[in-house]
Each structure stands twice: as structure tokens, then as C-alpha cells.
N, C-alpha and C. Protein backbone atom coordinates (compact mmCIF):
# COMPACT_ATOMS: atom_id res chain seq x y z
N MET A 1 0.82 -1.21 0.00
CA MET A 1 0.00 0.00 0.00
C MET A 1 0.85 1.26 0.00
N GLY A 2 2.16 1.11 -0.01
CA GLY A 2 3.03 2.27 -0.08
C GLY A 2 3.28 2.97 1.25
N ARG A 3 2.95 2.30 2.32
CA ARG A 3 3.12 2.89 3.65
C ARG A 3 4.62 3.09 3.94
N ARG A 4 4.97 4.23 4.51
CA ARG A 4 6.36 4.51 4.89
C ARG A 4 6.41 5.05 6.30
N ARG A 5 7.44 4.66 7.00
CA ARG A 5 7.68 5.21 8.33
C ARG A 5 9.17 5.43 8.45
N TYR A 6 9.53 6.66 8.69
CA TYR A 6 10.94 7.02 8.79
C TYR A 6 11.41 6.87 10.24
N LEU A 7 12.44 6.10 10.43
CA LEU A 7 12.99 5.84 11.76
C LEU A 7 14.50 6.09 11.73
N PRO A 8 14.91 7.35 11.81
CA PRO A 8 16.34 7.64 11.73
C PRO A 8 17.14 6.98 12.85
N GLY A 9 16.49 6.71 13.99
CA GLY A 9 17.18 6.09 15.11
C GLY A 9 17.60 4.65 14.86
N ILE A 10 17.14 4.08 13.76
CA ILE A 10 17.47 2.68 13.47
C ILE A 10 18.96 2.52 13.17
N TYR A 11 19.62 3.62 12.84
CA TYR A 11 21.07 3.60 12.57
C TYR A 11 21.89 4.07 13.77
N SER A 12 21.22 4.27 14.89
CA SER A 12 21.87 4.79 16.08
C SER A 12 22.91 3.81 16.64
N THR A 13 23.93 4.36 17.24
CA THR A 13 24.92 3.51 17.92
C THR A 13 24.42 3.13 19.31
N ASP A 14 23.39 3.82 19.79
CA ASP A 14 22.76 3.49 21.08
C ASP A 14 21.90 2.24 20.87
N LYS A 15 22.28 1.14 21.51
CA LYS A 15 21.60 -0.15 21.31
C LYS A 15 20.11 -0.08 21.69
N THR A 16 19.80 0.64 22.74
CA THR A 16 18.41 0.74 23.20
C THR A 16 17.56 1.47 22.17
N GLU A 17 18.07 2.59 21.67
CA GLU A 17 17.33 3.36 20.66
C GLU A 17 17.16 2.55 19.38
N ARG A 18 18.23 1.89 18.95
CA ARG A 18 18.18 1.09 17.73
C ARG A 18 17.17 -0.06 17.87
N ALA A 19 17.21 -0.75 19.01
CA ALA A 19 16.28 -1.86 19.25
C ALA A 19 14.83 -1.38 19.25
N SER A 20 14.60 -0.21 19.85
CA SER A 20 13.26 0.36 19.86
C SER A 20 12.77 0.64 18.44
N CYS A 21 13.63 1.22 17.63
CA CYS A 21 13.27 1.53 16.25
C CYS A 21 13.04 0.25 15.43
N GLU A 22 13.82 -0.77 15.70
CA GLU A 22 13.63 -2.04 15.00
C GLU A 22 12.27 -2.64 15.33
N ARG A 23 11.87 -2.57 16.61
CA ARG A 23 10.54 -3.07 17.01
C ARG A 23 9.44 -2.25 16.34
N GLN A 24 9.63 -0.93 16.29
CA GLN A 24 8.65 -0.06 15.64
C GLN A 24 8.52 -0.39 14.16
N ALA A 25 9.65 -0.68 13.52
CA ALA A 25 9.63 -1.01 12.09
C ALA A 25 8.81 -2.26 11.82
N VAL A 26 9.02 -3.29 12.62
CA VAL A 26 8.27 -4.54 12.45
C VAL A 26 6.80 -4.31 12.79
N ASN A 27 6.53 -3.61 13.88
CA ASN A 27 5.16 -3.36 14.30
C ASN A 27 4.39 -2.54 13.26
N THR A 28 5.07 -1.60 12.63
CA THR A 28 4.42 -0.77 11.61
C THR A 28 3.91 -1.64 10.46
N ILE A 29 4.70 -2.61 10.05
CA ILE A 29 4.29 -3.51 8.97
C ILE A 29 3.06 -4.31 9.39
N CYS A 30 3.10 -4.89 10.58
CA CYS A 30 1.99 -5.72 11.07
C CYS A 30 0.72 -4.91 11.24
N GLN A 31 0.80 -3.83 12.01
CA GLN A 31 -0.39 -3.05 12.28
C GLN A 31 -0.87 -2.29 11.04
N GLY A 32 0.04 -1.81 10.24
CA GLY A 32 -0.34 -1.10 9.03
C GLY A 32 -1.05 -2.01 8.04
N SER A 33 -0.53 -3.22 7.89
CA SER A 33 -1.16 -4.19 6.98
C SER A 33 -2.54 -4.59 7.49
N ALA A 34 -2.66 -4.80 8.78
CA ALA A 34 -3.96 -5.14 9.37
C ALA A 34 -4.96 -4.01 9.15
N ALA A 35 -4.53 -2.78 9.33
CA ALA A 35 -5.41 -1.62 9.12
C ALA A 35 -5.84 -1.54 7.66
N ASP A 36 -4.90 -1.77 6.74
CA ASP A 36 -5.24 -1.74 5.31
C ASP A 36 -6.26 -2.81 4.97
N LEU A 37 -6.09 -4.01 5.54
CA LEU A 37 -7.02 -5.12 5.26
C LEU A 37 -8.42 -4.82 5.78
N VAL A 38 -8.53 -4.32 7.00
CA VAL A 38 -9.85 -4.06 7.55
C VAL A 38 -10.53 -2.90 6.81
N LYS A 39 -9.77 -1.91 6.38
CA LYS A 39 -10.36 -0.81 5.60
C LYS A 39 -10.89 -1.32 4.27
N GLN A 40 -10.12 -2.18 3.60
CA GLN A 40 -10.58 -2.74 2.32
C GLN A 40 -11.80 -3.62 2.53
N ALA A 41 -11.83 -4.38 3.62
CA ALA A 41 -12.99 -5.22 3.94
C ALA A 41 -14.24 -4.36 4.14
N MET A 42 -14.09 -3.24 4.84
CA MET A 42 -15.23 -2.36 5.07
C MET A 42 -15.79 -1.83 3.75
N VAL A 43 -14.92 -1.44 2.85
CA VAL A 43 -15.36 -0.94 1.54
C VAL A 43 -16.07 -2.05 0.77
N ASN A 44 -15.47 -3.25 0.75
CA ASN A 44 -16.07 -4.37 0.01
C ASN A 44 -17.43 -4.75 0.57
N ILE A 45 -17.54 -4.78 1.89
CA ILE A 45 -18.81 -5.15 2.53
C ILE A 45 -19.87 -4.12 2.22
N GLU A 46 -19.53 -2.86 2.32
CA GLU A 46 -20.50 -1.79 2.03
C GLU A 46 -20.95 -1.84 0.58
N GLN A 47 -20.04 -2.10 -0.35
CA GLN A 47 -20.41 -2.23 -1.76
C GLN A 47 -21.35 -3.41 -1.96
N PHE A 48 -21.08 -4.51 -1.26
CA PHE A 48 -21.95 -5.68 -1.36
C PHE A 48 -23.35 -5.34 -0.85
N PHE A 49 -23.45 -4.71 0.32
CA PHE A 49 -24.74 -4.35 0.88
C PHE A 49 -25.53 -3.46 -0.07
N ARG A 50 -24.86 -2.47 -0.64
CA ARG A 50 -25.54 -1.56 -1.57
C ARG A 50 -25.95 -2.28 -2.85
N GLY A 51 -25.06 -3.13 -3.36
CA GLY A 51 -25.37 -3.89 -4.58
C GLY A 51 -26.57 -4.81 -4.41
N GLU A 52 -26.71 -5.37 -3.21
CA GLU A 52 -27.84 -6.26 -2.90
C GLU A 52 -29.05 -5.48 -2.39
N LYS A 53 -28.92 -4.15 -2.30
CA LYS A 53 -29.98 -3.26 -1.80
C LYS A 53 -30.47 -3.69 -0.41
N LEU A 54 -29.51 -3.97 0.47
CA LEU A 54 -29.82 -4.39 1.83
C LEU A 54 -29.95 -3.18 2.75
N LYS A 55 -30.70 -3.37 3.81
CA LYS A 55 -30.83 -2.33 4.83
C LYS A 55 -29.71 -2.44 5.86
N THR A 56 -29.03 -3.56 5.89
CA THR A 56 -27.94 -3.80 6.83
C THR A 56 -26.84 -2.76 6.62
N ARG A 57 -26.32 -2.24 7.72
CA ARG A 57 -25.29 -1.19 7.65
C ARG A 57 -24.18 -1.44 8.66
N LEU A 58 -22.99 -1.04 8.28
CA LEU A 58 -21.85 -1.05 9.19
C LEU A 58 -22.00 0.14 10.13
N LEU A 59 -21.98 -0.13 11.43
CA LEU A 59 -22.14 0.95 12.42
C LEU A 59 -20.80 1.53 12.84
N VAL A 60 -19.85 0.64 13.20
CA VAL A 60 -18.61 1.13 13.77
C VAL A 60 -17.52 0.07 13.64
N GLN A 61 -16.29 0.54 13.56
CA GLN A 61 -15.12 -0.33 13.62
C GLN A 61 -14.48 -0.11 14.99
N ILE A 62 -14.23 -1.19 15.70
CA ILE A 62 -13.57 -1.12 17.00
C ILE A 62 -12.35 -2.03 16.92
N HIS A 63 -11.19 -1.44 16.79
CA HIS A 63 -9.93 -2.17 16.63
C HIS A 63 -10.03 -3.13 15.44
N ASP A 64 -10.10 -4.42 15.69
CA ASP A 64 -10.14 -5.38 14.59
C ASP A 64 -11.53 -6.00 14.43
N GLU A 65 -12.54 -5.32 14.93
CA GLU A 65 -13.91 -5.83 14.83
C GLU A 65 -14.79 -4.83 14.10
N LEU A 66 -15.78 -5.37 13.41
CA LEU A 66 -16.77 -4.55 12.72
C LEU A 66 -18.12 -4.85 13.34
N LEU A 67 -18.89 -3.80 13.67
CA LEU A 67 -20.20 -3.96 14.28
C LEU A 67 -21.25 -3.51 13.26
N PHE A 68 -22.21 -4.40 13.00
CA PHE A 68 -23.24 -4.14 12.00
C PHE A 68 -24.62 -4.06 12.64
N GLU A 69 -25.48 -3.27 12.02
CA GLU A 69 -26.89 -3.28 12.35
C GLU A 69 -27.56 -4.05 11.22
N ILE A 70 -28.16 -5.18 11.57
CA ILE A 70 -28.72 -6.08 10.56
C ILE A 70 -30.23 -6.12 10.72
N ALA A 71 -30.92 -5.86 9.62
CA ALA A 71 -32.37 -5.95 9.63
C ALA A 71 -32.76 -7.41 9.87
N GLU A 72 -33.79 -7.61 10.69
CA GLU A 72 -34.17 -8.98 11.07
C GLU A 72 -34.48 -9.85 9.87
N ASP A 73 -35.13 -9.30 8.87
CA ASP A 73 -35.47 -10.09 7.69
C ASP A 73 -34.26 -10.39 6.80
N GLU A 74 -33.12 -9.77 7.07
CA GLU A 74 -31.89 -10.02 6.30
C GLU A 74 -30.87 -10.86 7.07
N LEU A 75 -31.19 -11.19 8.30
CA LEU A 75 -30.23 -11.85 9.18
C LEU A 75 -29.69 -13.15 8.57
N ARG A 76 -30.55 -14.03 8.12
CA ARG A 76 -30.09 -15.30 7.57
C ARG A 76 -29.24 -15.08 6.31
N PHE A 77 -29.65 -14.17 5.45
CA PHE A 77 -28.91 -13.89 4.22
C PHE A 77 -27.51 -13.36 4.51
N VAL A 78 -27.40 -12.44 5.46
CA VAL A 78 -26.12 -11.83 5.78
C VAL A 78 -25.21 -12.82 6.52
N GLN A 79 -25.77 -13.63 7.40
CA GLN A 79 -24.98 -14.61 8.16
C GLN A 79 -24.31 -15.62 7.25
N VAL A 80 -24.98 -16.08 6.23
CA VAL A 80 -24.46 -17.11 5.34
C VAL A 80 -23.25 -16.60 4.56
N ARG A 81 -23.19 -15.34 4.31
CA ARG A 81 -22.09 -14.78 3.51
C ARG A 81 -20.88 -14.75 4.36
């Protein structure tokens, strides 16, 4: 996705600073990729709901979870997907 994070301290001679930057570099990849995936999932799900003309809507994203409001008559259809 082209994500960049500049960590000049990664070249530091201070072992503690360098180790911290190395952890940040790895964490940025993991968390950034997870964020990209959940954002793309939200877009895809919303497009699906609109394409199917459903009343079901995404209410909120909480960390790695998505909370939906599902119309009772659509519950079985949405669950199967």
C-alpha cells in the first residue's frame, strides 16, 4: 500500500534506541497491513450491501472488529455470507 515510516534512530549507535526503532519497524508492517485489510474489507462489505440493496449497515469499527446493524429479515442472508 506504499506505507512509509521514517525511523532515523534505526542507525543509532545506542543499542536501546536502535532496538526500539527495529521493534517499531516490524510493528508498523503488522499493524499497518492489518489496518489496510480491515479498511478494504469495510469498503467491500459496504459495496456488497448496496449492490444487494440491503438495509444492513456497518455501524462502527472497533480495533479489529466490525459492528453491523442487521435488519431482522436479512439476518439469515447476511450470516451465510
